[in-house]
Each structure stands twice: as C-alpha cells, then as structure tokens.
Amino acid sequence: MRCKPGSRFWAFFYLAVDFGGMWPAWAATAATAIAAAWFGRMPGDVDAPMVRLFAYATFGLCVAIVLFGRKIYDALEKAQFVMVAVILAYLAFVDLFMVPPRIW
C-alpha cells in the first residue's frame, strides 16, 4: 500500500483481484462439496451444470450477505455465528448418535 502509485490504487487493485479470482474460486470449491453431499458421491463431468448452479448460488449468497447487511462487519459476524452454530450442532449430533458408546 505504500508503493507508488499510492494506497487508493492498490486498494482497488487488490479488491479487483480478490473479487475476480478468489471469491468465484472459493464458491466453486464449496459448490463441489455441496454437490458431493447432494449426489452422495463425487460429482463428475456429467454433473458440471449442477455444480455450476451451486457455485452461482453460493457466490450470490455471499454477495447478498455483504450487500444487504447494514454494516459489513456486523453482517459477516452474524453469518459466521450461524455457520459456527450449525457446524457445532451437526458435530454434536454426529457425536451423540453415530459414534458407538465404546468409542466414548
């Protein structure tokens, strides 16, 4: 940020690189996992349109969380709280109902 041509240029440059490269890639990676859970197997070439649809939906959801929150920080904090709560509830369910008592 201290290099020429200045911090404003680099801020917009990094935002463009992140938005154009990293966010869609993260959405596509998440979409592959969602499709694997949806199909019950790893998606193949035949499933590419559905994976792409999941990627667009995931990317759109991420944009909507940031776009429609009053403050970006608060919106992300609430979204992360929900994600952590869902993950912990899922892990507790798996731990209580799918792990044999002898493993406990």
N, C-alpha and C. Protein backbone atom coordinates (compact mmCIF):
# COMPACT_ATOMS: atom_id res chain seq x y z
N MET A 1 0.82 -1.19 0.00
CA MET A 1 0.00 0.00 0.00
C MET A 1 0.87 1.26 0.00
N ARG A 2 2.10 1.14 0.41
CA ARG A 2 2.98 2.32 0.47
C ARG A 2 3.71 2.57 -0.84
N CYS A 3 3.66 1.61 -1.74
CA CYS A 3 4.37 1.76 -3.02
C CYS A 3 3.58 2.67 -3.95
N LYS A 4 4.29 3.20 -4.92
CA LYS A 4 3.64 4.03 -5.93
C LYS A 4 2.75 3.15 -6.77
N PRO A 5 1.67 3.57 -7.23
CA PRO A 5 1.09 4.91 -7.32
C PRO A 5 0.25 5.33 -6.13
N GLY A 6 0.22 4.62 -5.05
CA GLY A 6 -0.48 5.08 -3.86
C GLY A 6 -1.47 4.04 -3.33
N SER A 7 -1.95 4.32 -2.12
CA SER A 7 -2.78 3.34 -1.43
C SER A 7 -4.15 3.17 -2.08
N ARG A 8 -4.72 4.22 -2.66
CA ARG A 8 -6.03 4.08 -3.31
C ARG A 8 -5.95 3.13 -4.50
N PHE A 9 -4.91 3.29 -5.30
CA PHE A 9 -4.74 2.39 -6.45
C PHE A 9 -4.63 0.95 -6.00
N TRP A 10 -3.77 0.70 -5.01
CA TRP A 10 -3.56 -0.67 -4.56
C TRP A 10 -4.79 -1.25 -3.87
N ALA A 11 -5.55 -0.43 -3.18
CA ALA A 11 -6.78 -0.92 -2.56
C ALA A 11 -7.75 -1.41 -3.63
N PHE A 12 -7.96 -0.61 -4.67
CA PHE A 12 -8.86 -1.03 -5.75
C PHE A 12 -8.29 -2.20 -6.53
N PHE A 13 -6.98 -2.23 -6.71
CA PHE A 13 -6.34 -3.35 -7.42
C PHE A 13 -6.57 -4.66 -6.67
N TYR A 14 -6.31 -4.65 -5.37
CA TYR A 14 -6.48 -5.88 -4.58
C TYR A 14 -7.94 -6.30 -4.49
N LEU A 15 -8.85 -5.32 -4.40
CA LEU A 15 -10.28 -5.66 -4.41
C LEU A 15 -10.67 -6.32 -5.72
N ALA A 16 -10.17 -5.79 -6.83
CA ALA A 16 -10.49 -6.37 -8.14
C ALA A 16 -9.93 -7.77 -8.27
N VAL A 17 -8.71 -7.98 -7.81
CA VAL A 17 -8.09 -9.30 -7.89
C VAL A 17 -8.86 -10.29 -7.00
N ASP A 18 -9.19 -9.88 -5.79
CA ASP A 18 -9.93 -10.76 -4.88
C ASP A 18 -11.31 -11.09 -5.44
N PHE A 19 -12.02 -10.07 -5.91
CA PHE A 19 -13.37 -10.29 -6.40
C PHE A 19 -13.36 -11.12 -7.68
N GLY A 20 -12.41 -10.87 -8.55
CA GLY A 20 -12.38 -11.56 -9.84
C GLY A 20 -11.77 -12.94 -9.80
N GLY A 21 -10.98 -13.23 -8.79
CA GLY A 21 -10.29 -14.51 -8.78
C GLY A 21 -10.60 -15.40 -7.60
N MET A 22 -10.51 -14.84 -6.41
CA MET A 22 -10.61 -15.68 -5.23
C MET A 22 -12.05 -16.03 -4.88
N TRP A 23 -12.96 -15.07 -4.88
CA TRP A 23 -14.34 -15.36 -4.48
C TRP A 23 -15.00 -16.39 -5.37
N PRO A 24 -14.90 -16.28 -6.70
CA PRO A 24 -15.51 -17.33 -7.53
C PRO A 24 -14.85 -18.70 -7.32
N ALA A 25 -13.55 -18.70 -7.09
CA ALA A 25 -12.87 -19.98 -6.86
C ALA A 25 -13.33 -20.61 -5.55
N TRP A 26 -13.49 -19.81 -4.53
CA TRP A 26 -13.99 -20.34 -3.25
C TRP A 26 -15.41 -20.85 -3.40
N ALA A 27 -16.23 -20.11 -4.15
CA ALA A 27 -17.61 -20.55 -4.36
C ALA A 27 -17.64 -21.86 -5.13
N ALA A 28 -16.78 -22.02 -6.13
CA ALA A 28 -16.73 -23.26 -6.91
C ALA A 28 -16.25 -24.42 -6.05
N THR A 29 -15.30 -24.17 -5.18
CA THR A 29 -14.82 -25.23 -4.29
C THR A 29 -15.92 -25.66 -3.33
N ALA A 30 -16.62 -24.69 -2.76
CA ALA A 30 -17.73 -25.01 -1.87
C ALA A 30 -18.84 -25.72 -2.63
N ALA A 31 -19.07 -25.32 -3.88
CA ALA A 31 -20.12 -25.95 -4.69
C ALA A 31 -19.80 -27.41 -4.96
N THR A 32 -18.54 -27.74 -5.12
CA THR A 32 -18.17 -29.14 -5.33
C THR A 32 -18.51 -29.97 -4.09
N ALA A 33 -18.23 -29.42 -2.91
CA ALA A 33 -18.58 -30.13 -1.67
C ALA A 33 -20.10 -30.24 -1.51
N ILE A 34 -20.82 -29.17 -1.84
CA ILE A 34 -22.28 -29.20 -1.74
C ILE A 34 -22.84 -30.24 -2.71
N ALA A 35 -22.31 -30.26 -3.94
CA ALA A 35 -22.79 -31.23 -4.93
C ALA A 35 -22.48 -32.66 -4.50
N ALA A 36 -21.31 -32.87 -3.89
CA ALA A 36 -20.96 -34.21 -3.41
C ALA A 36 -21.94 -34.65 -2.33
N ALA A 37 -22.32 -33.74 -1.44
CA ALA A 37 -23.31 -34.08 -0.41
C ALA A 37 -24.69 -34.30 -1.04
N TRP A 38 -25.02 -33.51 -2.04
CA TRP A 38 -26.32 -33.61 -2.71
C TRP A 38 -26.46 -34.94 -3.46
N PHE A 39 -25.40 -35.32 -4.20
CA PHE A 39 -25.44 -36.54 -5.00
C PHE A 39 -25.07 -37.79 -4.21
N GLY A 40 -24.38 -37.61 -3.09
CA GLY A 40 -23.93 -38.76 -2.32
C GLY A 40 -22.68 -39.39 -2.90
N ARG A 41 -22.03 -38.69 -3.79
CA ARG A 41 -20.79 -39.15 -4.44
C ARG A 41 -20.07 -37.92 -4.98
N MET A 42 -18.84 -38.11 -5.39
CA MET A 42 -18.10 -37.00 -6.00
C MET A 42 -18.70 -36.68 -7.37
N PRO A 43 -18.96 -35.42 -7.66
CA PRO A 43 -19.54 -35.08 -8.96
C PRO A 43 -18.54 -35.28 -10.08
N GLY A 44 -19.06 -35.72 -11.22
CA GLY A 44 -18.22 -35.92 -12.39
C GLY A 44 -18.53 -34.89 -13.47
N ASP A 45 -18.05 -35.14 -14.67
CA ASP A 45 -18.25 -34.21 -15.77
C ASP A 45 -19.73 -34.05 -16.12
N VAL A 46 -20.49 -35.11 -15.95
CA VAL A 46 -21.92 -35.06 -16.26
C VAL A 46 -22.65 -34.10 -15.31
N ASP A 47 -22.13 -33.95 -14.10
CA ASP A 47 -22.77 -33.12 -13.08
C ASP A 47 -22.31 -31.67 -13.11
N ALA A 48 -21.51 -31.29 -14.09
CA ALA A 48 -20.95 -29.94 -14.14
C ALA A 48 -22.00 -28.84 -14.13
N PRO A 49 -23.12 -28.96 -14.86
CA PRO A 49 -24.12 -27.87 -14.79
C PRO A 49 -24.69 -27.68 -13.39
N MET A 50 -24.92 -28.75 -12.67
CA MET A 50 -25.46 -28.63 -11.32
C MET A 50 -24.41 -28.03 -10.38
N VAL A 51 -23.15 -28.43 -10.53
CA VAL A 51 -22.09 -27.85 -9.70
C VAL A 51 -21.98 -26.36 -9.99
N ARG A 52 -22.07 -25.97 -11.25
CA ARG A 52 -22.03 -24.56 -11.62
C ARG A 52 -23.19 -23.80 -10.99
N LEU A 53 -24.36 -24.40 -10.99
CA LEU A 53 -25.53 -23.77 -10.36
C LEU A 53 -25.30 -23.58 -8.86
N PHE A 54 -24.75 -24.59 -8.20
CA PHE A 54 -24.42 -24.46 -6.78
C PHE A 54 -23.37 -23.36 -6.57
N ALA A 55 -22.41 -23.25 -7.48
CA ALA A 55 -21.37 -22.21 -7.36
C ALA A 55 -21.98 -20.83 -7.49
N TYR A 56 -22.88 -20.64 -8.46
CA TYR A 56 -23.54 -19.34 -8.61
C TYR A 56 -24.38 -19.01 -7.37
N ALA A 57 -25.08 -19.99 -6.85
CA ALA A 57 -25.91 -19.77 -5.66
C ALA A 57 -25.05 -19.43 -4.45
N THR A 58 -23.94 -20.12 -4.28
CA THR A 58 -23.04 -19.85 -3.16
C THR A 58 -22.44 -18.46 -3.27
N PHE A 59 -21.98 -18.11 -4.47
CA PHE A 59 -21.41 -16.79 -4.69
C PHE A 59 -22.47 -15.71 -4.47
N GLY A 60 -23.68 -15.94 -4.97
CA GLY A 60 -24.76 -14.97 -4.77
C GLY A 60 -25.12 -14.80 -3.31
N LEU A 61 -25.13 -15.89 -2.56
CA LEU A 61 -25.41 -15.81 -1.13
C LEU A 61 -24.35 -14.99 -0.41
N CYS A 62 -23.09 -15.19 -0.76
CA CYS A 62 -22.01 -14.42 -0.13
C CYS A 62 -22.14 -12.94 -0.46
N VAL A 63 -22.43 -12.63 -1.70
CA VAL A 63 -22.61 -11.23 -2.10
C VAL A 63 -23.82 -10.62 -1.38
N ALA A 64 -24.90 -11.39 -1.27
CA ALA A 64 -26.10 -10.88 -0.60
C ALA A 64 -25.85 -10.60 0.87
N ILE A 65 -25.09 -11.46 1.53
CA ILE A 65 -24.78 -11.23 2.96
C ILE A 65 -24.03 -9.92 3.13
N VAL A 66 -23.06 -9.67 2.27
CA VAL A 66 -22.27 -8.45 2.38
C VAL A 66 -23.07 -7.23 1.89
N LEU A 67 -23.87 -7.41 0.85
CA LEU A 67 -24.57 -6.29 0.24
C LEU A 67 -25.74 -5.79 1.07
N PHE A 68 -26.49 -6.70 1.68
CA PHE A 68 -27.71 -6.30 2.36
C PHE A 68 -27.56 -6.14 3.87
N GLY A 69 -26.38 -6.40 4.39
CA GLY A 69 -26.15 -6.13 5.80
C GLY A 69 -25.98 -4.64 6.02
N ARG A 70 -26.43 -4.13 7.17
CA ARG A 70 -26.29 -2.69 7.43
C ARG A 70 -24.82 -2.30 7.47
N LYS A 71 -24.05 -3.05 8.22
CA LYS A 71 -22.60 -2.86 8.26
C LYS A 71 -21.98 -4.18 7.87
N ILE A 72 -20.97 -4.14 7.04
CA ILE A 72 -20.37 -5.37 6.53
C ILE A 72 -19.86 -6.22 7.68
N TYR A 73 -19.18 -5.60 8.64
CA TYR A 73 -18.63 -6.36 9.76
C TYR A 73 -19.72 -7.08 10.53
N ASP A 74 -20.82 -6.36 10.82
CA ASP A 74 -21.92 -6.97 11.58
C ASP A 74 -22.57 -8.11 10.80
N ALA A 75 -22.75 -7.91 9.49
CA ALA A 75 -23.36 -8.95 8.65
C ALA A 75 -22.49 -10.20 8.62
N LEU A 76 -21.18 -10.01 8.46
CA LEU A 76 -20.28 -11.17 8.45
C LEU A 76 -20.21 -11.84 9.81
N GLU A 77 -20.25 -11.04 10.87
CA GLU A 77 -20.23 -11.61 12.22
C GLU A 77 -21.45 -12.49 12.46
N LYS A 78 -22.62 -12.01 12.05
CA LYS A 78 -23.84 -12.80 12.22
C LYS A 78 -23.82 -14.06 11.37
N ALA A 79 -23.33 -13.94 10.13
CA ALA A 79 -23.26 -15.10 9.25
C ALA A 79 -22.29 -16.14 9.82
N GLN A 80 -21.16 -15.69 10.33
CA GLN A 80 -20.20 -16.63 10.92
C GLN A 80 -20.76 -17.27 12.18
N PHE A 81 -21.50 -16.52 12.98
CA PHE A 81 -22.12 -17.10 14.17
C PHE A 81 -23.08 -18.22 13.78
N VAL A 82 -23.89 -17.99 12.76
CA VAL A 82 -24.82 -19.02 12.30
C VAL A 82 -24.06 -20.24 11.79
N MET A 83 -23.01 -20.00 11.01
CA MET A 83 -22.23 -21.13 10.48
C MET A 83 -21.59 -21.95 11.59
N VAL A 84 -21.02 -21.28 12.59
CA VAL A 84 -20.39 -22.00 13.70
C VAL A 84 -21.44 -22.77 14.49
N ALA A 85 -22.61 -22.16 14.72
CA ALA A 85 -23.68 -22.84 15.46
C ALA A 85 -24.15 -24.08 14.71
N VAL A 86 -24.33 -23.98 13.41
CA VAL A 86 -24.77 -25.13 12.61
C VAL A 86 -23.71 -26.23 12.62
N ILE A 87 -22.46 -25.86 12.46
CA ILE A 87 -21.38 -26.85 12.46
C ILE A 87 -21.29 -27.56 13.81
N LEU A 88 -21.35 -26.80 14.91
CA LEU A 88 -21.27 -27.42 16.23
C LEU A 88 -22.48 -28.30 16.51
N ALA A 89 -23.66 -27.87 16.09
CA ALA A 89 -24.86 -28.71 16.27
C ALA A 89 -24.73 -30.00 15.47
N TYR A 90 -24.23 -29.91 14.25
CA TYR A 90 -24.04 -31.10 13.43
C TYR A 90 -23.02 -32.05 14.07
N LEU A 91 -21.92 -31.50 14.53
CA LEU A 91 -20.90 -32.35 15.16
C LEU A 91 -21.41 -32.99 16.44
N ALA A 92 -22.20 -32.25 17.21
CA ALA A 92 -22.79 -32.83 18.42
C ALA A 92 -23.76 -33.96 18.07
N PHE A 93 -24.57 -33.75 17.03
CA PHE A 93 -25.49 -34.80 16.57
C PHE A 93 -24.73 -36.04 16.14
N VAL A 94 -23.72 -35.86 15.33
CA VAL A 94 -22.92 -37.00 14.86
C VAL A 94 -22.27 -37.69 16.04
N ASP A 95 -21.73 -36.91 16.95
CA ASP A 95 -21.03 -37.47 18.10
C ASP A 95 -21.98 -38.26 19.00
N LEU A 96 -23.16 -37.74 19.24
CA LEU A 96 -24.10 -38.40 20.15
C LEU A 96 -24.80 -39.60 19.53
N PHE A 97 -25.14 -39.52 18.26
CA PHE A 97 -25.99 -40.55 17.67
C PHE A 97 -25.29 -41.49 16.70
N MET A 98 -24.08 -41.18 16.29
CA MET A 98 -23.43 -42.03 15.30
C MET A 98 -22.11 -42.63 15.78
N VAL A 99 -21.63 -42.19 16.92
CA VAL A 99 -20.39 -42.74 17.46
C VAL A 99 -20.77 -43.79 18.50
N PRO A 100 -20.27 -45.01 18.35
CA PRO A 100 -20.61 -46.05 19.29
C PRO A 100 -20.14 -45.72 20.73
N PRO A 101 -20.88 -46.22 21.72
CA PRO A 101 -20.51 -45.91 23.12
C PRO A 101 -19.11 -46.39 23.49
N ARG A 102 -18.65 -47.47 22.88
CA ARG A 102 -17.30 -47.96 23.24
C ARG A 102 -16.22 -46.98 22.81
N ILE A 103 -16.47 -46.17 21.81
CA ILE A 103 -15.50 -45.16 21.37
C ILE A 103 -15.45 -44.01 22.38
N TRP A 104 -16.59 -43.72 23.01
CA TRP A 104 -16.63 -42.66 24.02
C TRP A 104 -15.72 -43.04 25.17
